[in-house]
Amino acid sequence: MVSVEPFDRPLRVAVLTTETPHHVRFVQKLGEHVEIVRVFEERRAPSAEFETRHPFEEARDAYECAEWFAGRTPRLSDAAEVETYRDLNEPEAVARMKAAAPDALIVFGTGRLEDAVLDVAPERIVNLHGADPEKYRGLDTHLWAVYHKDFRGLITALHRVRPELDRGGVVMKAPIPIHRGMALHQLRKANTEVCLDLTVRSLEMLRDYGQFISQPQLYVGRYYSFMPAVLKDRCVRQFQAFTESL
């Protein structure tokens, strides 16, 4: 049985993620609040049968590097000790997670995780998910919210990880701050700052109460896959029109 006693020592946390500017920033800032015992980097490359890359994503990466890293390209190894695997479900990766003995696993941007990973820290593995999982599950969820002009759906949720994709109980969620004139390439930076806040507050909950307190999801959100590049043109236009009207 998982202990629900408060922790009487600093939490030891492992982060499961990929190497992008916003994930590096997240790890860097999270390390100011808790001990990050290891970052487990996934190099699995999801692929679609159609073009998904869009110029706004290049602008997004450049913007984040300029805002956070003085224009240089950051590495996860700049922020924490890193172990890299193609797939975090590999037996060696799971064994190394167990050996690290983290109090909690924070998942940010990996592929689907199997039961072996979930068993590393039962009831103490949580995932950062873009948009409300009761409406949007799967991939590119913030973009799909923008595509549907569901700007109130631009939130971030931290939820428990369960075998059913994006179906775990929600620990916390919060809206992403949107300001007048904001461009779509700036959205991920704002989202990352919300992700950090939710994670820090949720880890404080775990420390103080010995568990992540969550609410079950009542609805099963629609599953979305990769957004084609041609649809991202529409997202750029609709997001700009929305923020110019604020």
C-alpha atoms as a PDB file:
ATOM      1  CA  MET A   1       0.000   0.000   0.000  1.00  0.00           C
ATOM      2  CA  VAL A   2       1.242   3.471  -0.872  1.00  0.00           C
ATOM      3  CA  SER A   3       2.062   5.632   2.128  1.00  0.00           C
ATOM      4  CA  VAL A   4      -0.085   8.697   2.672  1.00  0.00           C
ATOM      5  CA  GLU A   5       2.052  10.065   5.469  1.00  0.00           C
ATOM      6  CA  PRO A   6       3.511  13.557   4.965  1.00  0.00           C
ATOM      7  CA  PHE A   7       7.139  13.641   3.871  1.00  0.00           C
ATOM      8  CA  ASP A   8       9.565  14.851   6.523  1.00  0.00           C
ATOM      9  CA  ARG A   9      12.349  15.539   4.004  1.00  0.00           C
ATOM     10  CA  PRO A  10      12.755  17.271   0.660  1.00  0.00           C
ATOM     11  CA  LEU A  11      11.060  15.438  -2.219  1.00  0.00           C
ATOM     12  CA  ARG A  12      13.143  13.530  -4.740  1.00  0.00           C
ATOM     13  CA  VAL A  13      11.623  13.862  -8.200  1.00  0.00           C
ATOM     14  CA  ALA A  14      12.299  12.323 -11.606  1.00  0.00           C
ATOM     15  CA  VAL A  15      11.162  14.054 -14.799  1.00  0.00           C
ATOM     16  CA  LEU A  16      10.204  12.092 -17.918  1.00  0.00           C
ATOM     17  CA  THR A  17      10.416  14.349 -20.949  1.00  0.00           C
ATOM     18  CA  THR A  18      12.021  15.218 -24.293  1.00  0.00           C
ATOM     19  CA  GLU A  19      14.645  17.798 -25.193  1.00  0.00           C
ATOM     20  CA  THR A  20      12.983  21.017 -26.312  1.00  0.00           C
ATOM     21  CA  PRO A  21      13.587  24.595 -25.136  1.00  0.00           C
ATOM     22  CA  HIS A  22      10.443  24.652 -22.989  1.00  0.00           C
ATOM     23  CA  HIS A  23      11.176  21.297 -21.376  1.00  0.00           C
ATOM     24  CA  VAL A  24      14.717  22.402 -20.517  1.00  0.00           C
ATOM     25  CA  ARG A  25      13.335  25.570 -18.940  1.00  0.00           C
ATOM     26  CA  PHE A  26      10.801  23.543 -16.966  1.00  0.00           C
ATOM     27  CA  VAL A  27      13.491  21.236 -15.566  1.00  0.00           C
ATOM     28  CA  GLN A  28      15.781  24.161 -14.829  1.00  0.00           C
ATOM     29  CA  LYS A  29      13.168  26.051 -12.816  1.00  0.00           C
ATOM     30  CA  LEU A  30      11.689  22.976 -11.121  1.00  0.00           C
ATOM     31  CA  GLY A  31      15.164  22.214  -9.783  1.00  0.00           C
ATOM     32  CA  GLU A  32      14.960  25.420  -7.766  1.00  0.00           C
ATOM     33  CA  HIS A  33      12.100  23.909  -5.733  1.00  0.00           C
ATOM     34  CA  VAL A  34      12.798  20.170  -5.424  1.00  0.00           C
ATOM     35  CA  GLU A  35      15.655  17.736  -5.847  1.00  0.00           C
ATOM     36  CA  ILE A  36      15.600  16.352  -9.382  1.00  0.00           C
ATOM     37  CA  VAL A  37      17.294  12.981  -9.025  1.00  0.00           C
ATOM     38  CA  ARG A  38      17.241  12.255 -12.748  1.00  0.00           C
ATOM     39  CA  VAL A  39      15.748  13.340 -16.045  1.00  0.00           C
ATOM     40  CA  PHE A  40      14.762  10.445 -18.269  1.00  0.00           C
ATOM     41  CA  GLU A  41      14.812  11.753 -21.818  1.00  0.00           C
ATOM     42  CA  GLU A  42      12.830  10.043 -24.539  1.00  0.00           C
ATOM     43  CA  ARG A  43      14.082  10.134 -28.123  1.00  0.00           C
ATOM     44  CA  ARG A  44      11.161   8.242 -29.632  1.00  0.00           C
ATOM     45  CA  ALA A  45      10.143  10.206 -32.704  1.00  0.00           C
ATOM     46  CA  PRO A  46       6.385  10.106 -33.318  1.00  0.00           C
ATOM     47  CA  SER A  47       5.625  10.443 -36.998  1.00  0.00           C
ATOM     48  CA  ALA A  48       2.587  11.159 -39.122  1.00  0.00           C
ATOM     49  CA  GLU A  49       1.827  10.229 -42.693  1.00  0.00           C
ATOM     50  CA  PHE A  50       1.471  13.897 -43.611  1.00  0.00           C
ATOM     51  CA  GLU A  51       3.412  17.112 -43.107  1.00  0.00           C
ATOM     52  CA  THR A  52       3.067  18.512 -39.594  1.00  0.00           C
ATOM     53  CA  ARG A  53       5.914  21.017 -39.280  1.00  0.00           C
ATOM     54  CA  HIS A  54       4.872  24.670 -39.631  1.00  0.00           C
ATOM     55  CA  PRO A  55       6.943  27.899 -39.702  1.00  0.00           C
ATOM     56  CA  PHE A  56       5.282  29.172 -36.504  1.00  0.00           C
ATOM     57  CA  GLU A  57       7.045  26.355 -34.643  1.00  0.00           C
ATOM     58  CA  GLU A  58      10.449  27.571 -35.769  1.00  0.00           C
ATOM     59  CA  ALA A  59       9.469  31.056 -34.579  1.00  0.00           C
ATOM     60  CA  ARG A  60       8.298  29.513 -31.290  1.00  0.00           C
ATOM     61  CA  ASP A  61      11.609  27.745 -30.668  1.00  0.00           C
ATOM     62  CA  ALA A  62      13.610  30.867 -31.525  1.00  0.00           C
ATOM     63  CA  TYR A  63      11.387  33.006 -29.296  1.00  0.00           C
ATOM     64  CA  GLU A  64      11.819  30.692 -26.309  1.00  0.00           C
ATOM     65  CA  CYS A  65      15.578  30.451 -26.776  1.00  0.00           C
ATOM     66  CA  ALA A  66      15.790  34.248 -26.934  1.00  0.00           C
ATOM     67  CA  GLU A  67      13.547  34.809 -23.908  1.00  0.00           C
ATOM     68  CA  TRP A  68      15.044  32.148 -21.668  1.00  0.00           C
ATOM     69  CA  PHE A  69      18.534  31.283 -22.906  1.00  0.00           C
ATOM     70  CA  ALA A  70      19.998  34.445 -24.481  1.00  0.00           C
ATOM     71  CA  GLY A  71      19.500  32.967 -27.933  1.00  0.00           C
ATOM     72  CA  ARG A  72      21.463  29.756 -27.452  1.00  0.00           C
ATOM     73  CA  THR A  73      20.025  26.270 -27.855  1.00  0.00           C
ATOM     74  CA  PRO A  74      19.725  24.715 -24.364  1.00  0.00           C
ATOM     75  CA  ARG A  75      20.312  21.091 -23.380  1.00  0.00           C
ATOM     76  CA  LEU A  76      18.643  19.064 -20.658  1.00  0.00           C
ATOM     77  CA  SER A  77      22.098  18.180 -19.361  1.00  0.00           C
ATOM     78  CA  ASP A  78      22.588  21.880 -18.569  1.00  0.00           C
ATOM     79  CA  ALA A  79      19.817  21.593 -15.972  1.00  0.00           C
ATOM     80  CA  ALA A  80      20.060  18.100 -14.454  1.00  0.00           C
ATOM     81  CA  GLU A  81      21.558  14.636 -14.738  1.00  0.00           C
ATOM     82  CA  VAL A  82      20.070  12.982 -17.808  1.00  0.00           C
ATOM     83  CA  GLU A  83      19.650   9.438 -19.068  1.00  0.00           C
ATOM     84  CA  THR A  84      18.477   9.069 -22.657  1.00  0.00           C
ATOM     85  CA  TYR A  85      16.461   6.246 -24.200  1.00  0.00           C
ATOM     86  CA  ARG A  86      14.608   5.809 -27.448  1.00  0.00           C
ATOM     87  CA  ASP A  87      11.536   4.627 -25.549  1.00  0.00           C
ATOM     88  CA  LEU A  88      11.018   5.109 -21.818  1.00  0.00           C
ATOM     89  CA  ASN A  89       9.124   1.819 -21.694  1.00  0.00           C
ATOM     90  CA  GLU A  90      12.344  -0.087 -22.406  1.00  0.00           C
ATOM     91  CA  PRO A  91      13.236  -2.500 -19.555  1.00  0.00           C
ATOM     92  CA  GLU A  92      16.581  -0.776 -18.958  1.00  0.00           C
ATOM     93  CA  ALA A  93      14.901   2.620 -18.637  1.00  0.00           C
ATOM     94  CA  VAL A  94      12.335   1.236 -16.183  1.00  0.00           C
ATOM     95  CA  ALA A  95      15.077  -0.420 -14.135  1.00  0.00           C
ATOM     96  CA  ARG A  96      17.001   2.838 -13.925  1.00  0.00           C
ATOM     97  CA  MET A  97      13.862   4.702 -12.840  1.00  0.00           C
ATOM     98  CA  LYS A  98      13.394   2.205 -10.027  1.00  0.00           C
ATOM     99  CA  ALA A  99      17.053   2.522  -9.026  1.00  0.00           C
ATOM    100  CA  ALA A 100      16.686   6.310  -8.808  1.00  0.00           C
ATOM    101  CA  ALA A 101      13.930   5.740  -6.201  1.00  0.00           C
ATOM    102  CA  PRO A 102      12.030   8.994  -6.829  1.00  0.00           C
ATOM    103  CA  ASP A 103       9.179  10.067  -4.590  1.00  0.00           C
ATOM    104  CA  ALA A 104       7.291  11.213  -7.693  1.00  0.00           C
ATOM    105  CA  LEU A 105       7.502  11.059 -11.480  1.00  0.00           C
ATOM    106  CA  ILE A 106       6.564  14.144 -13.502  1.00  0.00           C
ATOM    107  CA  VAL A 107       5.708  13.420 -17.138  1.00  0.00           C
ATOM    108  CA  PHE A 108       5.944  16.254 -19.649  1.00  0.00           C
ATOM    109  CA  GLY A 109       5.696  15.483 -23.348  1.00  0.00           C
ATOM    110  CA  THR A 110       6.537  11.781 -23.694  1.00  0.00           C
ATOM    111  CA  GLY A 111       4.745   9.059 -25.614  1.00  0.00           C
ATOM    112  CA  ARG A 112       2.333   6.604 -24.035  1.00  0.00           C
ATOM    113  CA  LEU A 113       3.754   4.973 -20.895  1.00  0.00           C
ATOM    114  CA  GLU A 114       3.122   1.344 -20.074  1.00  0.00           C
ATOM    115  CA  ASP A 115       2.264  -0.274 -16.739  1.00  0.00           C
ATOM    116  CA  ALA A 116       5.912  -1.009 -15.914  1.00  0.00           C
ATOM    117  CA  VAL A 117       6.647   2.719 -15.771  1.00  0.00           C
ATOM    118  CA  LEU A 118       3.503   3.469 -13.789  1.00  0.00           C
ATOM    119  CA  ASP A 119       4.567   0.856 -11.236  1.00  0.00           C
ATOM    120  CA  VAL A 120       7.810   2.720 -10.479  1.00  0.00           C
ATOM    121  CA  ALA A 121       5.915   5.170  -8.246  1.00  0.00           C
ATOM    122  CA  PRO A 122       2.301   3.974  -7.964  1.00  0.00           C
ATOM    123  CA  GLU A 123      -0.148   6.816  -7.327  1.00  0.00           C
ATOM    124  CA  ARG A 124       2.730   9.316  -7.553  1.00  0.00           C
ATOM    125  CA  ILE A 125       3.144   9.678 -11.306  1.00  0.00           C
ATOM    126  CA  VAL A 126       1.441  12.694 -12.889  1.00  0.00           C
ATOM    127  CA  ASN A 127       1.309  14.161 -16.375  1.00  0.00           C
ATOM    128  CA  LEU A 128       1.141  17.726 -17.672  1.00  0.00           C
ATOM    129  CA  HIS A 129      -1.519  17.919 -20.352  1.00  0.00           C
ATOM    130  CA  GLY A 130      -2.450  20.786 -22.635  1.00  0.00           C
ATOM    131  CA  ALA A 131      -6.143  21.737 -22.545  1.00  0.00           C
ATOM    132  CA  ASP A 132      -8.878  20.002 -20.567  1.00  0.00           C
ATOM    133  CA  PRO A 133      -8.493  16.199 -20.899  1.00  0.00           C
ATOM    134  CA  GLU A 134     -12.255  15.847 -20.525  1.00  0.00           C
ATOM    135  CA  LYS A 135     -12.546  17.625 -23.889  1.00  0.00           C
ATOM    136  CA  TYR A 136      -9.207  17.099 -25.649  1.00  0.00           C
ATOM    137  CA  ARG A 137      -7.058  13.991 -25.344  1.00  0.00           C
ATOM    138  CA  GLY A 138      -4.009  12.957 -27.324  1.00  0.00           C
ATOM    139  CA  LEU A 139      -1.698  15.232 -29.323  1.00  0.00           C
ATOM    140  CA  ASP A 140      -1.534  18.949 -30.211  1.00  0.00           C
ATOM    141  CA  THR A 141      -4.414  19.578 -27.845  1.00  0.00           C
ATOM    142  CA  HIS A 142      -3.856  23.311 -27.413  1.00  0.00           C
ATOM    143  CA  LEU A 143      -3.735  23.694 -31.174  1.00  0.00           C
ATOM    144  CA  TRP A 144      -6.963  21.759 -31.576  1.00  0.00           C
ATOM    145  CA  ALA A 145      -8.617  24.061 -29.035  1.00  0.00           C
ATOM    146  CA  VAL A 146      -7.475  27.061 -31.088  1.00  0.00           C
ATOM    147  CA  TYR A 147      -8.640  25.376 -34.295  1.00  0.00           C
ATOM    148  CA  HIS A 148     -12.124  25.031 -32.800  1.00  0.00           C
ATOM    149  CA  LYS A 149     -11.993  28.652 -31.528  1.00  0.00           C
ATOM    150  CA  ASP A 150     -12.305  27.269 -28.013  1.00  0.00           C
ATOM    151  CA  PHE A 151     -10.091  29.906 -26.441  1.00  0.00           C
ATOM    152  CA  ARG A 152     -11.548  29.268 -22.987  1.00  0.00           C
ATOM    153  CA  GLY A 153     -10.193  25.763 -23.467  1.00  0.00           C
ATOM    154  CA  LEU A 154      -6.618  27.036 -23.359  1.00  0.00           C
ATOM    155  CA  ILE A 155      -5.847  25.614 -19.959  1.00  0.00           C
ATOM    156  CA  THR A 156      -3.255  23.215 -18.599  1.00  0.00           C
ATOM    157  CA  ALA A 157      -4.050  20.210 -16.438  1.00  0.00           C
ATOM    158  CA  LEU A 158      -1.890  18.072 -14.177  1.00  0.00           C
ATOM    159  CA  HIS A 159      -3.463  14.643 -13.878  1.00  0.00           C
ATOM    160  CA  ARG A 160      -2.588  11.217 -12.598  1.00  0.00           C
ATOM    161  CA  VAL A 161      -1.202   8.794 -15.166  1.00  0.00           C
ATOM    162  CA  ARG A 162      -3.366   5.764 -15.818  1.00  0.00           C
ATOM    163  CA  PRO A 163      -3.189   3.007 -18.471  1.00  0.00           C
ATOM    164  CA  GLU A 164      -6.041   4.746 -20.315  1.00  0.00           C
ATOM    165  CA  LEU A 165      -4.502   7.701 -22.152  1.00  0.00           C
ATOM    166  CA  ASP A 166      -5.191  11.083 -20.483  1.00  0.00           C
ATOM    167  CA  ARG A 167      -7.910   9.610 -18.248  1.00  0.00           C
ATOM    168  CA  GLY A 168      -6.340   9.924 -14.792  1.00  0.00           C
ATOM    169  CA  GLY A 169      -7.849  12.036 -12.035  1.00  0.00           C
ATOM    170  CA  VAL A 170      -7.108  15.764 -12.310  1.00  0.00           C
ATOM    171  CA  VAL A 171      -4.897  17.109  -9.528  1.00  0.00           C
ATOM    172  CA  MET A 172      -4.900  20.750 -10.652  1.00  0.00           C
ATOM    173  CA  LYS A 173      -5.687  22.831 -13.706  1.00  0.00           C
ATOM    174  CA  ALA A 174      -5.353  26.489 -14.590  1.00  0.00           C
ATOM    175  CA  PRO A 175      -5.907  28.820 -17.561  1.00  0.00           C
ATOM    176  CA  ILE A 176      -3.009  30.034 -19.662  1.00  0.00           C
ATOM    177  CA  PRO A 177      -2.747  33.837 -19.463  1.00  0.00           C
ATOM    178  CA  ILE A 178      -3.472  35.353 -22.870  1.00  0.00           C
ATOM    179  CA  HIS A 179      -2.797  39.031 -23.554  1.00  0.00           C
ATOM    180  CA  ARG A 180      -3.741  41.469 -26.286  1.00  0.00           C
ATOM    181  CA  GLY A 181      -1.572  41.095 -29.371  1.00  0.00           C
ATOM    182  CA  MET A 182      -0.113  37.743 -28.291  1.00  0.00           C
ATOM    183  CA  ALA A 183       0.998  35.525 -31.188  1.00  0.00           C
ATOM    184  CA  LEU A 184       0.597  31.770 -31.394  1.00  0.00           C
ATOM    185  CA  HIS A 185       4.353  31.216 -31.188  1.00  0.00           C
ATOM    186  CA  GLN A 186       4.259  32.785 -27.706  1.00  0.00           C
ATOM    187  CA  LEU A 187       1.639  30.408 -26.334  1.00  0.00           C
ATOM    188  CA  ARG A 188       3.971  27.568 -25.349  1.00  0.00           C
ATOM    189  CA  LYS A 189       6.145  29.851 -23.219  1.00  0.00           C
ATOM    190  CA  ALA A 190       3.092  31.028 -21.279  1.00  0.00           C
ATOM    191  CA  ASN A 191       1.912  27.442 -20.936  1.00  0.00           C
ATOM    192  CA  THR A 192       5.290  26.307 -19.585  1.00  0.00           C
ATOM    193  CA  GLU A 193       5.088  28.865 -16.800  1.00  0.00           C
ATOM    194  CA  VAL A 194       1.654  27.513 -15.851  1.00  0.00           C
ATOM    195  CA  CYS A 195       3.033  23.968 -15.968  1.00  0.00           C
ATOM    196  CA  LEU A 196       5.764  24.918 -13.527  1.00  0.00           C
ATOM    197  CA  ASP A 197       3.306  26.550 -11.128  1.00  0.00           C
ATOM    198  CA  LEU A 198       0.947  23.560 -11.168  1.00  0.00           C
ATOM    199  CA  THR A 199       3.800  21.132 -10.626  1.00  0.00           C
ATOM    200  CA  VAL A 200       5.340  23.020  -7.722  1.00  0.00           C
ATOM    201  CA  ARG A 201       1.990  23.415  -5.972  1.00  0.00           C
ATOM    202  CA  SER A 202       1.106  19.772  -6.539  1.00  0.00           C
ATOM    203  CA  LEU A 203       4.445  18.608  -5.167  1.00  0.00           C
ATOM    204  CA  GLU A 204       3.830  20.759  -2.104  1.00  0.00           C
ATOM    205  CA  MET A 205       0.545  18.869  -1.745  1.00  0.00           C
ATOM    206  CA  LEU A 206       2.377  15.557  -2.011  1.00  0.00           C
ATOM    207  CA  ARG A 207       4.924  16.653   0.571  1.00  0.00           C
ATOM    208  CA  ASP A 208       2.320  17.921   3.046  1.00  0.00           C
ATOM    209  CA  TYR A 209      -0.318  15.203   2.654  1.00  0.00           C
ATOM    210  CA  GLY A 210       1.627  12.225   1.327  1.00  0.00           C
ATOM    211  CA  GLN A 211      -0.488  11.977  -1.818  1.00  0.00           C
ATOM    212  CA  PHE A 212      -1.761  13.786  -4.894  1.00  0.00           C
ATOM    213  CA  ILE A 213      -5.376  14.667  -4.174  1.00  0.00           C
ATOM    214  CA  SER A 214      -7.363  14.474  -7.396  1.00  0.00           C
ATOM    215  CA  GLN A 215     -10.845  14.554  -8.866  1.00  0.00           C
ATOM    216  CA  PRO A 216     -11.914  11.802 -11.301  1.00  0.00           C
ATOM    217  CA  GLN A 217     -12.721  12.815 -14.833  1.00  0.00           C
ATOM    218  CA  LEU A 218     -16.450  12.624 -15.536  1.00  0.00           C
ATOM    219  CA  TYR A 219     -16.260  12.800 -19.326  1.00  0.00           C
ATOM    220  CA  VAL A 220     -14.084  11.072 -21.893  1.00  0.00           C
ATOM    221  CA  GLY A 221     -12.571  13.723 -24.110  1.00  0.00           C
ATOM    222  CA  ARG A 222     -12.279  13.291 -27.854  1.00  0.00           C
ATOM    223  CA  TYR A 223      -8.949  11.823 -28.951  1.00  0.00           C
ATOM    224  CA  TYR A 224      -6.905  13.980 -31.329  1.00  0.00           C
ATOM    225  CA  SER A 225      -3.814  13.025 -33.306  1.00  0.00           C
ATOM    226  CA  PHE A 226      -1.198  15.191 -35.010  1.00  0.00           C
ATOM    227  CA  MET A 227      -2.470  18.410 -36.531  1.00  0.00           C
ATOM    228  CA  PRO A 228      -1.563  18.704 -40.232  1.00  0.00           C
ATOM    229  CA  ALA A 229       0.545  21.715 -41.143  1.00  0.00           C
ATOM    230  CA  VAL A 230      -2.169  23.080 -43.453  1.00  0.00           C
ATOM    231  CA  LEU A 231      -4.549  23.400 -40.500  1.00  0.00           C
ATOM    232  CA  LYS A 232      -1.959  25.267 -38.437  1.00  0.00           C
ATOM    233  CA  ASP A 233      -2.260  28.201 -40.853  1.00  0.00           C
ATOM    234  CA  ARG A 234      -5.834  28.554 -39.641  1.00  0.00           C
ATOM    235  CA  CYS A 235      -4.719  28.351 -36.008  1.00  0.00           C
ATOM    236  CA  VAL A 236      -2.201  31.161 -36.485  1.00  0.00           C
ATOM    237  CA  ARG A 237      -4.875  33.401 -38.043  1.00  0.00           C
ATOM    238  CA  GLN A 238      -7.594  32.590 -35.519  1.00  0.00           C
ATOM    239  CA  PHE A 239      -5.330  33.053 -32.510  1.00  0.00           C
ATOM    240  CA  GLN A 240      -4.131  36.412 -33.829  1.00  0.00           C
ATOM    241  CA  ALA A 241      -7.691  37.566 -34.500  1.00  0.00           C
ATOM    242  CA  PHE A 242      -8.699  36.548 -30.995  1.00  0.00           C
ATOM    243  CA  THR A 243      -5.858  38.291 -29.191  1.00  0.00           C
ATOM    244  CA  GLU A 244      -6.254  41.446 -31.270  1.00  0.00           C
ATOM    245  CA  SER A 245      -9.859  41.634 -30.075  1.00  0.00           C
ATOM    246  CA  LEU A 246      -8.981  41.518 -26.367  1.00  0.00           C
END
